[in-house]
Amino acid sequence: MKIKFVLLTIIILFFSGCGVGSVVALPFKAVGAAVNVVTPDIVGDTISGVGEVADSVIPF
């Protein structure tokens, strides 16, 4: 019974994601948006891009 519960929990987390990538990417996205206000857009977009890459690379 216990192993079925653990397996079911792992499967649910695998398909739904637990948001680790989004949490890691959030500071980069926020700083990129703030930097866009005071610098050219390319600088802030580059910082936000790092967050996007982190979000896509981290699978969970």
N, C-alpha and C. Protein backbone atom coordinates (compact mmCIF):
# COMPACT_ATOMS: atom_id res chain seq x y z
N MET A 1 0.83 -1.19 0.00
CA MET A 1 0.00 0.00 0.00
C MET A 1 0.88 1.26 0.00
N LYS A 2 1.92 1.23 0.81
CA LYS A 2 2.79 2.39 0.93
C LYS A 2 3.52 2.68 -0.38
N ILE A 3 3.97 1.65 -1.05
CA ILE A 3 4.70 1.84 -2.30
C ILE A 3 3.79 2.38 -3.40
N LYS A 4 2.53 1.98 -3.39
CA LYS A 4 1.57 2.51 -4.37
C LYS A 4 1.36 4.00 -4.15
N PHE A 5 1.28 4.42 -2.91
CA PHE A 5 1.10 5.83 -2.59
C PHE A 5 2.30 6.66 -3.04
N VAL A 6 3.50 6.16 -2.78
CA VAL A 6 4.71 6.87 -3.17
C VAL A 6 4.80 6.94 -4.69
N LEU A 7 4.52 5.85 -5.36
CA LEU A 7 4.55 5.83 -6.83
C LEU A 7 3.52 6.79 -7.42
N LEU A 8 2.33 6.79 -6.88
CA LEU A 8 1.29 7.71 -7.35
C LEU A 8 1.70 9.17 -7.13
N THR A 9 2.30 9.47 -6.00
CA THR A 9 2.75 10.83 -5.72
C THR A 9 3.84 11.26 -6.69
N ILE A 10 4.77 10.38 -6.98
CA ILE A 10 5.85 10.70 -7.93
C ILE A 10 5.28 10.94 -9.32
N ILE A 11 4.33 10.11 -9.73
CA ILE A 11 3.72 10.28 -11.06
C ILE A 11 2.96 11.61 -11.14
N ILE A 12 2.25 11.96 -10.11
CA ILE A 12 1.51 13.23 -10.10
C ILE A 12 2.47 14.40 -10.17
N LEU A 13 3.54 14.38 -9.39
CA LEU A 13 4.51 15.47 -9.43
C LEU A 13 5.23 15.54 -10.77
N PHE A 14 5.48 14.39 -11.38
CA PHE A 14 6.17 14.37 -12.67
C PHE A 14 5.33 15.03 -13.75
N PHE A 15 4.04 14.74 -13.78
CA PHE A 15 3.20 15.29 -14.83
C PHE A 15 2.69 16.69 -14.55
N SER A 16 2.54 17.05 -13.29
CA SER A 16 2.04 18.39 -12.99
C SER A 16 3.17 19.38 -12.75
N GLY A 17 4.32 18.90 -12.34
CA GLY A 17 5.43 19.79 -12.03
C GLY A 17 5.24 20.38 -10.64
N CYS A 18 6.33 20.64 -9.99
CA CYS A 18 6.20 21.21 -8.65
C CYS A 18 6.65 22.66 -8.62
N GLY A 19 6.99 23.23 -9.75
CA GLY A 19 7.24 24.66 -9.81
C GLY A 19 8.64 25.10 -9.48
N VAL A 20 9.59 24.20 -9.37
CA VAL A 20 10.95 24.59 -9.01
C VAL A 20 11.55 25.49 -10.09
N GLY A 21 11.35 25.13 -11.35
CA GLY A 21 11.87 25.95 -12.44
C GLY A 21 11.28 27.34 -12.44
N SER A 22 10.00 27.45 -12.15
CA SER A 22 9.35 28.76 -12.10
C SER A 22 9.87 29.60 -10.95
N VAL A 23 10.12 28.97 -9.82
CA VAL A 23 10.64 29.69 -8.65
C VAL A 23 12.06 30.19 -8.92
N VAL A 24 12.87 29.37 -9.57
CA VAL A 24 14.23 29.77 -9.90
C VAL A 24 14.23 30.91 -10.92
N ALA A 25 13.32 30.86 -11.87
CA ALA A 25 13.27 31.86 -12.94
C ALA A 25 12.66 33.18 -12.50
N LEU A 26 11.86 33.18 -11.46
CA LEU A 26 11.15 34.39 -11.05
C LEU A 26 12.05 35.58 -10.75
N PRO A 27 13.14 35.44 -10.00
CA PRO A 27 14.00 36.61 -9.75
C PRO A 27 14.58 37.21 -11.03
N PHE A 28 14.96 36.35 -11.97
CA PHE A 28 15.51 36.84 -13.23
C PHE A 28 14.47 37.61 -14.02
N LYS A 29 13.25 37.11 -14.04
CA LYS A 29 12.18 37.78 -14.77
C LYS A 29 11.85 39.12 -14.12
N ALA A 30 11.81 39.16 -12.80
CA ALA A 30 11.50 40.40 -12.10
C ALA A 30 12.60 41.45 -12.30
N VAL A 31 13.85 41.04 -12.18
CA VAL A 31 14.96 41.97 -12.37
C VAL A 31 15.00 42.44 -13.82
N GLY A 32 14.73 41.55 -14.76
CA GLY A 32 14.70 41.93 -16.17
C GLY A 32 13.64 42.97 -16.45
N ALA A 33 12.47 42.82 -15.84
CA ALA A 33 11.40 43.80 -16.02
C ALA A 33 11.78 45.15 -15.40
N ALA A 34 12.44 45.12 -14.24
CA ALA A 34 12.85 46.36 -13.59
C ALA A 34 13.96 47.05 -14.38
N VAL A 35 14.88 46.28 -14.92
CA VAL A 35 15.98 46.85 -15.68
C VAL A 35 15.48 47.46 -16.99
N ASN A 36 14.43 46.90 -17.55
CA ASN A 36 13.85 47.45 -18.79
C ASN A 36 13.39 48.89 -18.62
N VAL A 37 13.08 49.28 -17.41
CA VAL A 37 12.59 50.64 -17.15
C VAL A 37 13.71 51.66 -17.30
N VAL A 38 14.91 51.31 -16.89
CA VAL A 38 15.99 52.31 -16.84
C VAL A 38 17.07 52.11 -17.92
N THR A 39 17.07 50.98 -18.60
CA THR A 39 18.09 50.72 -19.62
C THR A 39 17.40 50.35 -20.92
N PRO A 40 18.16 50.22 -21.99
CA PRO A 40 17.56 49.75 -23.24
C PRO A 40 16.92 48.37 -23.08
N ASP A 41 15.92 48.11 -23.87
CA ASP A 41 15.16 46.86 -23.73
C ASP A 41 16.02 45.61 -23.90
N ILE A 42 17.06 45.69 -24.68
CA ILE A 42 17.87 44.49 -24.94
C ILE A 42 18.53 43.97 -23.66
N VAL A 43 18.89 44.87 -22.76
CA VAL A 43 19.54 44.45 -21.51
C VAL A 43 18.54 43.72 -20.62
N GLY A 44 17.39 44.31 -20.41
CA GLY A 44 16.37 43.67 -19.57
C GLY A 44 15.84 42.39 -20.18
N ASP A 45 15.70 42.37 -21.52
CA ASP A 45 15.23 41.17 -22.18
C ASP A 45 16.24 40.04 -22.06
N THR A 46 17.52 40.38 -22.06
CA THR A 46 18.55 39.35 -21.89
C THR A 46 18.47 38.74 -20.50
N ILE A 47 18.28 39.58 -19.49
CA ILE A 47 18.16 39.07 -18.12
C ILE A 47 16.90 38.21 -17.99
N SER A 48 15.80 38.65 -18.57
CA SER A 48 14.57 37.86 -18.53
C SER A 48 14.75 36.55 -19.29
N GLY A 49 15.53 36.60 -20.36
CA GLY A 49 15.80 35.39 -21.14
C GLY A 49 16.51 34.33 -20.33
N VAL A 50 17.39 34.76 -19.42
CA VAL A 50 18.06 33.80 -18.54
C VAL A 50 17.02 33.08 -17.68
N GLY A 51 16.03 33.83 -17.22
CA GLY A 51 14.95 33.21 -16.43
C GLY A 51 14.14 32.23 -17.25
N GLU A 52 13.88 32.58 -18.52
CA GLU A 52 13.14 31.68 -19.39
C GLU A 52 13.90 30.38 -19.62
N VAL A 53 15.21 30.51 -19.84
CA VAL A 53 16.03 29.32 -20.06
C VAL A 53 16.07 28.46 -18.80
N ALA A 54 16.20 29.09 -17.64
CA ALA A 54 16.22 28.33 -16.38
C ALA A 54 14.90 27.60 -16.19
N ASP A 55 13.80 28.27 -16.54
CA ASP A 55 12.48 27.65 -16.38
C ASP A 55 12.32 26.45 -17.31
N SER A 56 12.85 26.54 -18.52
CA SER A 56 12.70 25.44 -19.45
C SER A 56 13.69 24.30 -19.22
N VAL A 57 14.87 24.63 -18.66
CA VAL A 57 15.89 23.60 -18.44
C VAL A 57 15.57 22.75 -17.22
N ILE A 58 15.05 23.36 -16.18
CA ILE A 58 14.72 22.61 -14.97
C ILE A 58 13.41 21.87 -15.22
N PRO A 59 13.44 20.58 -15.24
CA PRO A 59 12.26 19.82 -15.68
C PRO A 59 11.13 19.72 -14.67
N PHE A 60 11.34 20.17 -13.47
CA PHE A 60 10.26 20.05 -12.47
C PHE A 60 10.06 21.34 -11.75
